[in-house]
Protein backbone atom coordinates (compact mmCIF):
# COMPACT_ATOMS: atom_id res chain seq x y z
CA UNK A 1 0.00 0.00 0.00
CA UNK A 2 1.39 3.37 -0.93
CA UNK A 3 0.58 6.75 0.51
CA UNK A 4 -0.39 9.51 -1.78
CA UNK A 5 0.85 12.99 -1.04
CA UNK A 6 -1.03 16.05 -2.13
CA UNK A 7 1.67 18.18 -3.63
CA UNK A 8 0.50 21.45 -4.98
CA UNK A 9 2.14 22.52 -8.18
CA UNK A 10 3.42 26.03 -7.97
CA UNK A 11 3.73 27.87 -11.27
CA UNK A 12 7.22 29.06 -12.12
CA UNK A 13 6.26 32.16 -14.05
CA UNK A 14 4.20 34.34 -11.77
CA UNK A 15 3.28 37.97 -11.67
CA UNK A 16 5.76 38.55 -8.83
CA UNK A 17 8.58 37.05 -10.92
CA UNK A 18 7.62 39.32 -13.81
CA UNK A 19 7.60 42.40 -11.58
CA UNK A 20 10.97 41.55 -10.02
CA UNK A 21 12.53 40.94 -13.42
CA UNK A 22 11.05 44.21 -14.68
CA UNK A 23 12.59 46.03 -11.71
CA UNK A 24 15.98 44.39 -12.36
CA UNK A 25 15.71 45.38 -16.02
CA UNK A 26 14.94 48.98 -15.14
CA UNK A 27 17.86 49.15 -12.70
CA UNK A 28 20.24 47.78 -15.35
CA UNK A 29 18.85 50.08 -18.02
CA UNK A 30 19.12 53.11 -15.78
CA UNK A 31 22.73 52.42 -14.79
CA UNK A 32 23.94 51.67 -18.31
CA UNK A 33 22.05 54.66 -19.73
CA UNK A 34 23.97 56.97 -17.44
CA UNK A 35 27.23 55.61 -18.82
CA UNK A 36 26.29 55.26 -22.50
CA UNK A 37 24.46 58.52 -23.03
CA UNK A 38 27.11 60.43 -21.12
CA UNK A 39 29.59 59.96 -23.98
CA UNK A 40 29.63 63.10 -26.09
CA UNK A 41 32.45 62.23 -28.49
CA UNK A 42 32.78 58.47 -29.09
CA UNK A 43 35.98 57.10 -30.52
CA UNK A 44 36.03 56.78 -34.32
CA UNK A 45 37.26 53.18 -33.88
CA UNK A 46 33.95 52.13 -32.30
CA UNK A 47 31.16 50.73 -34.49
CA UNK A 48 28.41 53.02 -35.69
CA UNK A 49 25.72 51.55 -33.42
CA UNK A 50 27.93 50.85 -30.42
CA UNK A 51 25.23 51.87 -27.92
CA UNK A 52 22.86 49.04 -28.85
CA UNK A 53 24.76 46.13 -27.29
CA UNK A 54 25.16 47.63 -23.79
CA UNK A 55 21.54 48.78 -23.80
CA UNK A 56 20.43 45.18 -24.44
CA UNK A 57 22.94 43.08 -22.51
CA UNK A 58 22.99 44.98 -19.21
CA UNK A 59 19.20 45.07 -18.66
CA UNK A 60 19.07 41.34 -19.49
CA UNK A 61 21.71 40.70 -16.84
CA UNK A 62 19.65 42.72 -14.38
CA UNK A 63 16.56 40.66 -15.19
CA UNK A 64 18.44 37.39 -14.68
CA UNK A 65 19.80 38.63 -11.34
CA UNK A 66 16.31 39.59 -10.24
CA UNK A 67 15.01 36.16 -11.29
CA UNK A 68 17.71 34.55 -9.15
CA UNK A 69 16.54 36.72 -6.26
CA UNK A 70 13.00 35.47 -6.83
CA UNK A 71 13.97 31.80 -6.98
CA UNK A 72 15.86 31.98 -3.69
CA UNK A 73 12.65 33.05 -1.96
CA UNK A 74 12.09 29.49 -0.69
CA UNK A 75 15.10 29.91 1.58
CA UNK A 76 13.64 33.06 3.11
CA UNK A 77 10.85 31.25 4.94
CA UNK A 78 12.98 29.07 7.17
CA UNK A 79 14.90 30.82 9.93
CA UNK A 80 16.17 34.34 10.45
CA UNK A 81 19.72 33.28 9.61
CA UNK A 82 18.64 31.60 6.40
CA UNK A 83 16.67 34.70 5.43
CA UNK A 84 19.70 36.91 6.07
CA UNK A 85 22.06 34.62 4.15
CA UNK A 86 19.62 34.29 1.25
CA UNK A 87 19.20 38.06 1.00
CA UNK A 88 22.94 38.73 1.13
CA UNK A 89 23.71 35.97 -1.38
CA UNK A 90 20.95 37.10 -3.74
CA UNK A 91 22.11 40.72 -3.56
CA UNK A 92 25.72 39.71 -4.31
CA UNK A 93 24.63 37.58 -7.27
CA UNK A 94 22.54 40.50 -8.58
CA UNK A 95 25.42 42.99 -8.27
CA UNK A 96 27.98 40.61 -9.82
CA UNK A 97 25.58 39.75 -12.66
CA UNK A 98 24.90 43.42 -13.31
CA UNK A 99 28.63 44.15 -13.34
CA UNK A 100 29.29 41.26 -15.74
CA UNK A 101 26.47 42.45 -18.00
CA UNK A 102 27.99 45.92 -18.03
CA UNK A 103 31.42 44.55 -18.90
CA UNK A 104 30.02 42.31 -21.67
CA UNK A 105 27.99 45.18 -23.06
CA UNK A 106 30.83 47.69 -23.09
CA UNK A 107 33.73 45.46 -24.13
CA UNK A 108 35.45 46.85 -27.17
CA UNK A 109 34.12 50.35 -26.65
CA UNK A 110 34.20 52.04 -23.26
CA UNK A 111 35.63 48.99 -21.46
CA UNK A 112 39.18 48.29 -22.64
C-alpha atoms as a PDB file:
ATOM      1  CA  UNK A   1       0.000   0.000   0.000  1.00  0.00           C
ATOM      2  CA  UNK A   2       1.392   3.368  -0.928  1.00  0.00           C
ATOM      3  CA  UNK A   3       0.578   6.746   0.511  1.00  0.00           C
ATOM      4  CA  UNK A   4      -0.388   9.511  -1.784  1.00  0.00           C
ATOM      5  CA  UNK A   5       0.850  12.991  -1.042  1.00  0.00           C
ATOM      6  CA  UNK A   6      -1.026  16.053  -2.131  1.00  0.00           C
ATOM      7  CA  UNK A   7       1.672  18.177  -3.625  1.00  0.00           C
ATOM      8  CA  UNK A   8       0.503  21.453  -4.975  1.00  0.00           C
ATOM      9  CA  UNK A   9       2.135  22.519  -8.179  1.00  0.00           C
ATOM     10  CA  UNK A  10       3.423  26.030  -7.968  1.00  0.00           C
ATOM     11  CA  UNK A  11       3.734  27.870 -11.266  1.00  0.00           C
ATOM     12  CA  UNK A  12       7.222  29.058 -12.117  1.00  0.00           C
ATOM     13  CA  UNK A  13       6.262  32.161 -14.050  1.00  0.00           C
ATOM     14  CA  UNK A  14       4.200  34.337 -11.768  1.00  0.00           C
ATOM     15  CA  UNK A  15       3.277  37.975 -11.666  1.00  0.00           C
ATOM     16  CA  UNK A  16       5.757  38.545  -8.827  1.00  0.00           C
ATOM     17  CA  UNK A  17       8.579  37.054 -10.917  1.00  0.00           C
ATOM     18  CA  UNK A  18       7.621  39.319 -13.813  1.00  0.00           C
ATOM     19  CA  UNK A  19       7.603  42.405 -11.581  1.00  0.00           C
ATOM     20  CA  UNK A  20      10.967  41.552 -10.022  1.00  0.00           C
ATOM     21  CA  UNK A  21      12.525  40.943 -13.421  1.00  0.00           C
ATOM     22  CA  UNK A  22      11.053  44.214 -14.676  1.00  0.00           C
ATOM     23  CA  UNK A  23      12.594  46.030 -11.711  1.00  0.00           C
ATOM     24  CA  UNK A  24      15.983  44.389 -12.365  1.00  0.00           C
ATOM     25  CA  UNK A  25      15.706  45.380 -16.025  1.00  0.00           C
ATOM     26  CA  UNK A  26      14.937  48.983 -15.143  1.00  0.00           C
ATOM     27  CA  UNK A  27      17.856  49.148 -12.701  1.00  0.00           C
ATOM     28  CA  UNK A  28      20.235  47.783 -15.354  1.00  0.00           C
ATOM     29  CA  UNK A  29      18.848  50.081 -18.023  1.00  0.00           C
ATOM     30  CA  UNK A  30      19.123  53.114 -15.782  1.00  0.00           C
ATOM     31  CA  UNK A  31      22.731  52.420 -14.792  1.00  0.00           C
ATOM     32  CA  UNK A  32      23.939  51.672 -18.309  1.00  0.00           C
ATOM     33  CA  UNK A  33      22.049  54.661 -19.733  1.00  0.00           C
ATOM     34  CA  UNK A  34      23.975  56.972 -17.438  1.00  0.00           C
ATOM     35  CA  UNK A  35      27.228  55.610 -18.822  1.00  0.00           C
ATOM     36  CA  UNK A  36      26.294  55.260 -22.497  1.00  0.00           C
ATOM     37  CA  UNK A  37      24.463  58.520 -23.034  1.00  0.00           C
ATOM     38  CA  UNK A  38      27.114  60.434 -21.117  1.00  0.00           C
ATOM     39  CA  UNK A  39      29.585  59.961 -23.982  1.00  0.00           C
ATOM     40  CA  UNK A  40      29.626  63.102 -26.094  1.00  0.00           C
ATOM     41  CA  UNK A  41      32.447  62.232 -28.494  1.00  0.00           C
ATOM     42  CA  UNK A  42      32.782  58.471 -29.095  1.00  0.00           C
ATOM     43  CA  UNK A  43      35.976  57.104 -30.521  1.00  0.00           C
ATOM     44  CA  UNK A  44      36.025  56.782 -34.318  1.00  0.00           C
ATOM     45  CA  UNK A  45      37.258  53.183 -33.877  1.00  0.00           C
ATOM     46  CA  UNK A  46      33.953  52.133 -32.297  1.00  0.00           C
ATOM     47  CA  UNK A  47      31.164  50.728 -34.489  1.00  0.00           C
ATOM     48  CA  UNK A  48      28.408  53.019 -35.692  1.00  0.00           C
ATOM     49  CA  UNK A  49      25.718  51.547 -33.418  1.00  0.00           C
ATOM     50  CA  UNK A  50      27.930  50.849 -30.415  1.00  0.00           C
ATOM     51  CA  UNK A  51      25.232  51.866 -27.919  1.00  0.00           C
ATOM     52  CA  UNK A  52      22.860  49.040 -28.849  1.00  0.00           C
ATOM     53  CA  UNK A  53      24.765  46.134 -27.289  1.00  0.00           C
ATOM     54  CA  UNK A  54      25.163  47.628 -23.794  1.00  0.00           C
ATOM     55  CA  UNK A  55      21.539  48.780 -23.803  1.00  0.00           C
ATOM     56  CA  UNK A  56      20.432  45.184 -24.441  1.00  0.00           C
ATOM     57  CA  UNK A  57      22.943  43.085 -22.508  1.00  0.00           C
ATOM     58  CA  UNK A  58      22.992  44.975 -19.208  1.00  0.00           C
ATOM     59  CA  UNK A  59      19.201  45.066 -18.663  1.00  0.00           C
ATOM     60  CA  UNK A  60      19.070  41.344 -19.493  1.00  0.00           C
ATOM     61  CA  UNK A  61      21.709  40.699 -16.843  1.00  0.00           C
ATOM     62  CA  UNK A  62      19.653  42.720 -14.375  1.00  0.00           C
ATOM     63  CA  UNK A  63      16.560  40.658 -15.188  1.00  0.00           C
ATOM     64  CA  UNK A  64      18.445  37.389 -14.676  1.00  0.00           C
ATOM     65  CA  UNK A  65      19.804  38.627 -11.343  1.00  0.00           C
ATOM     66  CA  UNK A  66      16.305  39.591 -10.238  1.00  0.00           C
ATOM     67  CA  UNK A  67      15.010  36.159 -11.290  1.00  0.00           C
ATOM     68  CA  UNK A  68      17.711  34.550  -9.148  1.00  0.00           C
ATOM     69  CA  UNK A  69      16.539  36.723  -6.255  1.00  0.00           C
ATOM     70  CA  UNK A  70      13.005  35.465  -6.828  1.00  0.00           C
ATOM     71  CA  UNK A  71      13.969  31.799  -6.978  1.00  0.00           C
ATOM     72  CA  UNK A  72      15.865  31.980  -3.687  1.00  0.00           C
ATOM     73  CA  UNK A  73      12.652  33.050  -1.964  1.00  0.00           C
ATOM     74  CA  UNK A  74      12.089  29.493  -0.693  1.00  0.00           C
ATOM     75  CA  UNK A  75      15.103  29.909   1.582  1.00  0.00           C
ATOM     76  CA  UNK A  76      13.639  33.060   3.110  1.00  0.00           C
ATOM     77  CA  UNK A  77      10.847  31.249   4.944  1.00  0.00           C
ATOM     78  CA  UNK A  78      12.978  29.066   7.168  1.00  0.00           C
ATOM     79  CA  UNK A  79      14.898  30.820   9.925  1.00  0.00           C
ATOM     80  CA  UNK A  80      16.165  34.339  10.454  1.00  0.00           C
ATOM     81  CA  UNK A  81      19.722  33.278   9.610  1.00  0.00           C
ATOM     82  CA  UNK A  82      18.643  31.598   6.399  1.00  0.00           C
ATOM     83  CA  UNK A  83      16.668  34.695   5.431  1.00  0.00           C
ATOM     84  CA  UNK A  84      19.696  36.909   6.066  1.00  0.00           C
ATOM     85  CA  UNK A  85      22.060  34.619   4.146  1.00  0.00           C
ATOM     86  CA  UNK A  86      19.616  34.287   1.250  1.00  0.00           C
ATOM     87  CA  UNK A  87      19.196  38.058   0.998  1.00  0.00           C
ATOM     88  CA  UNK A  88      22.940  38.728   1.132  1.00  0.00           C
ATOM     89  CA  UNK A  89      23.710  35.966  -1.379  1.00  0.00           C
ATOM     90  CA  UNK A  90      20.948  37.101  -3.744  1.00  0.00           C
ATOM     91  CA  UNK A  91      22.112  40.716  -3.556  1.00  0.00           C
ATOM     92  CA  UNK A  92      25.718  39.708  -4.310  1.00  0.00           C
ATOM     93  CA  UNK A  93      24.632  37.583  -7.275  1.00  0.00           C
ATOM     94  CA  UNK A  94      22.536  40.496  -8.583  1.00  0.00           C
ATOM     95  CA  UNK A  95      25.415  42.988  -8.266  1.00  0.00           C
ATOM     96  CA  UNK A  96      27.977  40.614  -9.820  1.00  0.00           C
ATOM     97  CA  UNK A  97      25.579  39.748 -12.656  1.00  0.00           C
ATOM     98  CA  UNK A  98      24.901  43.420 -13.314  1.00  0.00           C
ATOM     99  CA  UNK A  99      28.627  44.151 -13.336  1.00  0.00           C
ATOM    100  CA  UNK A 100      29.290  41.255 -15.738  1.00  0.00           C
ATOM    101  CA  UNK A 101      26.470  42.446 -18.001  1.00  0.00           C
ATOM    102  CA  UNK A 102      27.989  45.920 -18.028  1.00  0.00           C
ATOM    103  CA  UNK A 103      31.416  44.545 -18.904  1.00  0.00           C
ATOM    104  CA  UNK A 104      30.019  42.313 -21.668  1.00  0.00           C
ATOM    105  CA  UNK A 105      27.992  45.179 -23.063  1.00  0.00           C
ATOM    106  CA  UNK A 106      30.828  47.692 -23.091  1.00  0.00           C
ATOM    107  CA  UNK A 107      33.733  45.458 -24.125  1.00  0.00           C
ATOM    108  CA  UNK A 108      35.455  46.847 -27.171  1.00  0.00           C
ATOM    109  CA  UNK A 109      34.118  50.348 -26.646  1.00  0.00           C
ATOM    110  CA  UNK A 110      34.201  52.041 -23.256  1.00  0.00           C
ATOM    111  CA  UNK A 111      35.629  48.986 -21.462  1.00  0.00           C
ATOM    112  CA  UNK A 112      39.178  48.286 -22.643  1.00  0.00           C
END
